[in-house]
Protein backbone atom coordinates (compact mmCIF):
# COMPACT_ATOMS: atom_id res chain seq x y z
CA MET A 1 -3.62 -21.58 26.36
CA GLY A 2 -0.53 -19.06 26.44
CA ARG A 3 -0.10 -15.73 28.02
CA THR A 4 -3.03 -13.20 27.23
CA ILE A 5 -1.85 -9.59 27.05
CA THR A 6 -4.01 -6.16 26.62
CA LEU A 7 -4.21 -4.46 23.70
CA LYS A 8 -1.75 -1.59 24.88
CA GLU A 9 0.66 -3.89 25.60
CA ALA A 10 0.30 -5.57 22.43
CA GLU A 11 0.75 -2.01 20.79
CA THR A 12 3.80 -1.86 22.87
CA LYS A 13 5.52 -5.13 21.39
CA THR A 14 4.48 -4.79 18.08
CA GLY A 15 4.25 -1.17 17.22
CA ILE A 16 0.81 -1.38 15.63
CA PRO A 17 -1.57 0.86 17.29
CA SER A 18 -4.50 -0.67 19.77
CA ARG A 19 -6.92 0.81 17.43
CA THR A 20 -5.33 -0.48 14.60
CA ILE A 21 -5.59 -4.00 16.40
CA ARG A 22 -9.01 -3.59 17.17
CA ARG A 23 -9.78 -3.07 13.60
CA TYR A 24 -7.70 -6.51 12.56
CA ILE A 25 -9.63 -8.07 15.52
CA HIS A 26 -12.93 -6.94 14.09
CA ASN A 27 -11.67 -7.79 10.20
CA HIS A 28 -9.67 -10.97 11.16
CA GLY A 29 -10.97 -12.10 14.43
CA GLN A 30 -11.62 -15.71 13.73
CA ARG A 31 -8.05 -16.26 12.96
CA LEU A 32 -6.96 -14.32 16.18
CA PRO A 33 -6.86 -15.99 19.26
CA ILE A 34 -8.59 -13.31 21.46
CA ILE A 35 -10.49 -13.17 24.23
CA LYS A 36 -13.30 -10.63 25.08
CA GLU A 37 -14.42 -9.36 28.75
CA GLY A 38 -16.72 -6.95 28.54
CA ASN A 39 -15.54 -4.18 25.83
CA LYS A 40 -11.94 -5.13 26.48
CA TYR A 41 -9.75 -7.74 24.70
CA LEU A 42 -6.63 -9.82 25.50
CA ILE A 43 -5.38 -11.59 22.86
CA GLU A 44 -2.63 -14.27 23.09
CA GLU A 45 0.72 -13.27 22.96
CA TYR A 46 1.91 -16.27 20.62
CA ALA A 47 -0.77 -14.15 18.21
CA LEU A 48 2.02 -11.00 17.86
CA PRO A 49 3.80 -12.01 15.00
CA LEU A 50 0.27 -13.32 12.70
CA LEU A 51 -0.67 -9.24 13.50
CA THR A 52 2.72 -8.02 12.07
CA ARG A 53 1.91 -10.08 8.92
CA ILE A 54 -1.18 -8.75 8.61
CA ARG A 55 -0.34 -5.17 9.02
CA GLU A 56 2.30 -5.99 6.59
CA PHE A 57 -0.23 -7.20 4.00
CA TYR A 58 -2.20 -3.95 4.46
CA ASP A 59 1.07 -1.84 3.89
CA GLN A 60 1.30 -3.50 0.98
CA GLY A 61 -2.07 -2.29 -0.04
CA MET A 62 -4.17 -5.32 0.11
CA THR A 63 -7.85 -5.20 0.65
CA VAL A 64 -9.51 -7.15 3.75
CA LYS A 65 -10.49 -10.66 1.66
CA ASP A 66 -6.82 -10.50 0.07
CA VAL A 67 -5.49 -10.49 3.54
CA ASP A 68 -8.12 -13.22 4.67
CA ASP A 69 -6.88 -15.28 1.16
CA LYS A 70 -3.44 -14.85 1.47
CA LEU A 71 -3.68 -15.66 5.39
CA ASP A 72 -5.59 -18.87 3.93
CA SER A 73 -2.63 -19.36 0.91
CA ASP A 74 -0.21 -19.43 3.73
CA GLY A 75 -2.20 -22.00 5.83
CA ASP A 76 -2.93 -19.62 8.92
CA SER A 77 -6.52 -21.48 10.33
CA LEU A 78 -9.58 -20.28 11.32
CA LEU A 79 -9.96 -20.40 14.88
CA ILE A 80 -13.45 -21.25 17.12
CA GLU A 81 -13.79 -18.80 20.14
CA VAL A 82 -14.85 -21.35 23.38
CA ASP A 83 -16.55 -19.14 26.36
CA ARG A 84 -14.11 -19.86 29.54
CA VAL A 85 -16.23 -20.63 31.91
CA THR A 86 -18.43 -23.16 29.91
CA GLU A 87 -15.74 -23.72 27.88
CA GLN A 88 -18.32 -24.34 24.89
CA PRO A 89 -18.30 -22.66 21.79
CA ALA A 90 -19.26 -18.58 22.33
CA MET A 91 -21.58 -19.42 18.96
CA ASP A 92 -24.83 -21.05 18.79
CA HIS A 93 -25.59 -24.43 16.31
CA GLU A 94 -27.12 -21.98 13.54
CA GLN A 95 -23.67 -19.52 13.93
CA MET A 96 -21.20 -22.50 13.96
CA LYS A 97 -22.97 -23.72 11.00
CA GLN A 98 -22.71 -20.61 8.91
CA PHE A 99 -19.35 -20.25 10.25
CA LEU A 100 -18.37 -24.25 8.91
CA LYS A 101 -20.48 -23.31 5.75
CA THR A 102 -18.04 -20.37 4.87
CA ILE A 103 -14.90 -21.81 6.30
CA ILE A 104 -15.98 -25.19 3.45
CA GLU A 105 -17.12 -22.48 0.65
CA ARG A 106 -13.52 -20.38 0.76
CA GLN A 107 -11.73 -24.22 0.93
CA ASP A 108 -14.18 -25.07 -2.57
CA SER A 109 -13.02 -21.40 -3.65
CA LYS A 110 -9.46 -22.17 -3.44
CA ILE A 111 -9.68 -25.93 -4.80
CA LYS A 112 -11.38 -24.38 -7.91
CA GLU A 113 -8.44 -21.65 -8.13
CA LEU A 114 -6.04 -24.29 -7.76
CA GLU A 115 -8.10 -26.26 -10.17
CA THR A 116 -7.67 -23.44 -12.70
CA LYS A 117 -4.37 -22.95 -12.44
CA VAL A 118 -2.85 -26.33 -12.69
CA ASP A 119 -5.46 -26.78 -15.90
CA ASN A 120 -3.40 -23.28 -16.97
CA LEU A 121 -0.15 -24.95 -16.42
CA SER A 122 -1.13 -28.14 -18.16
CA ASN A 123 -2.05 -26.02 -21.04
CA LEU A 124 0.92 -24.21 -20.91
CA LEU A 125 3.44 -27.40 -20.98
CA GLN A 126 1.53 -28.62 -23.83
CA GLU A 127 1.79 -25.66 -25.67
CA GLY A 128 5.50 -25.73 -24.87
CA GLN A 129 6.00 -29.32 -25.74
CA ARG A 130 4.23 -28.97 -28.99
CA GLN A 131 6.10 -25.79 -30.03
CA GLN A 132 9.49 -27.76 -28.55
CA SER A 133 8.09 -30.90 -31.16
CA ASN A 134 8.28 -28.11 -33.76
CA LEU A 135 11.42 -26.62 -33.94
CA THR A 136 13.12 -29.75 -33.12
CA GLU A 137 11.37 -31.32 -36.92
CA LEU A 138 12.42 -27.82 -38.21
CA ALA A 139 15.90 -27.95 -37.31
CA ASN A 140 15.95 -31.93 -38.08
CA LYS A 141 14.62 -30.40 -41.94
CA GLN A 142 17.05 -27.18 -42.06
CA THR A 143 19.90 -29.68 -40.83
CA GLN A 144 19.20 -32.30 -43.54
CA ASN A 145 18.83 -29.27 -46.25
CA LYS A 146 22.53 -28.53 -45.34
CA ILE A 147 23.62 -31.87 -45.52
CA GLU A 148 22.35 -32.26 -49.09
CA GLU A 149 23.79 -28.88 -50.12
CA LEU A 150 26.68 -30.09 -48.59
CA GLU A 151 27.09 -33.72 -50.41
CA GLU A 152 25.83 -31.34 -53.91
CA LYS A 153 28.69 -28.98 -53.09
CA LEU A 154 30.98 -32.00 -52.50
CA GLU A 155 30.06 -33.77 -55.43
CA GLU A 156 30.53 -30.65 -57.99
CA ARG A 157 33.85 -30.20 -56.43
CA ASP A 158 34.87 -33.53 -56.98
CA GLN A 159 33.81 -33.60 -60.46
CA LYS A 160 36.14 -29.97 -60.58
CA LEU A 161 38.85 -31.79 -59.20
CA MET A 162 38.55 -34.69 -61.66
CA GLU A 163 38.56 -32.58 -64.58
CA ALA A 164 41.33 -30.85 -63.38
CA ILE A 165 43.40 -33.65 -63.10
CA ARG A 166 42.24 -34.81 -66.19
CA GLU A 167 43.82 -31.71 -67.74
CA LEU A 168 46.60 -31.68 -66.03
CA GLN A 169 47.71 -34.98 -67.42
CA GLU A 170 46.34 -34.42 -70.89
CA LYS A 171 49.32 -31.55 -70.93
CA LYS A 172 51.45 -34.00 -69.03
CA LYS A 173 51.55 -36.75 -72.27
CA PRO A 174 54.14 -36.62 -74.88
CA TRP A 175 53.04 -35.04 -78.12
CA TRP A 176 52.97 -37.87 -79.69
CA LYS A 177 50.39 -39.58 -77.49
CA LYS A 178 48.33 -36.58 -78.02
CA LEU A 179 48.35 -37.22 -81.95
CA MET A 180 47.13 -40.73 -81.07
CA GLY A 181 44.87 -40.09 -78.78
CA LYS A 182 45.86 -42.30 -75.76
C-alpha cells in the first residue's frame, strides 16, 4: 500500500476540486484506491494520474458510463475494498457476488462488442477483396481489349504499308514491264 493523502491534498496536487473528487469517488470509487474513515476519504497517491484522466474524460463530454467504458477499454481494473482492521472485503457475500456479476457482465458486453467489430472488419475485408478482384478482372479485360485493338491497327497499318510498297514498285517498273504485266 502506498502513501494516502486527503482529498484536499489531492485537490492541491491535481487542481481538481475536492467536491469533484468526491463525485468521482461516488461514480468510480470501484476503480479508485480509497480509504473511508468516518465521512472522510483518503486516496492512494498513486491514483492521482487516474483522477486526472477521469477529469479529462469528463472535459471531453463523456458520461459516467462512457468514462467507465473508456477505463475498461484502457485496462483500468476494478478494486475490491478491504477493511483495514479485519483485512476482510468491505462487502458481504451477496454484495461481492453482485460486484463480480457486474464485472462479468461488463466483460461479456465488451467481448460481444469486440466480436461485432471483428465481424464487421471481416465483412469489410471480404468486400474489399471482392472489389479488388472485380477491379483486377475489369483491368485485365480492358487491357486485353486494348491489345486486340492495337493488333488490329497494326495489321491494318501493315496492309496499307505493303500496298504502298507495291504501288511504289509498280511505279518504278519500266514501261515495257508494265505492258507485259510482269
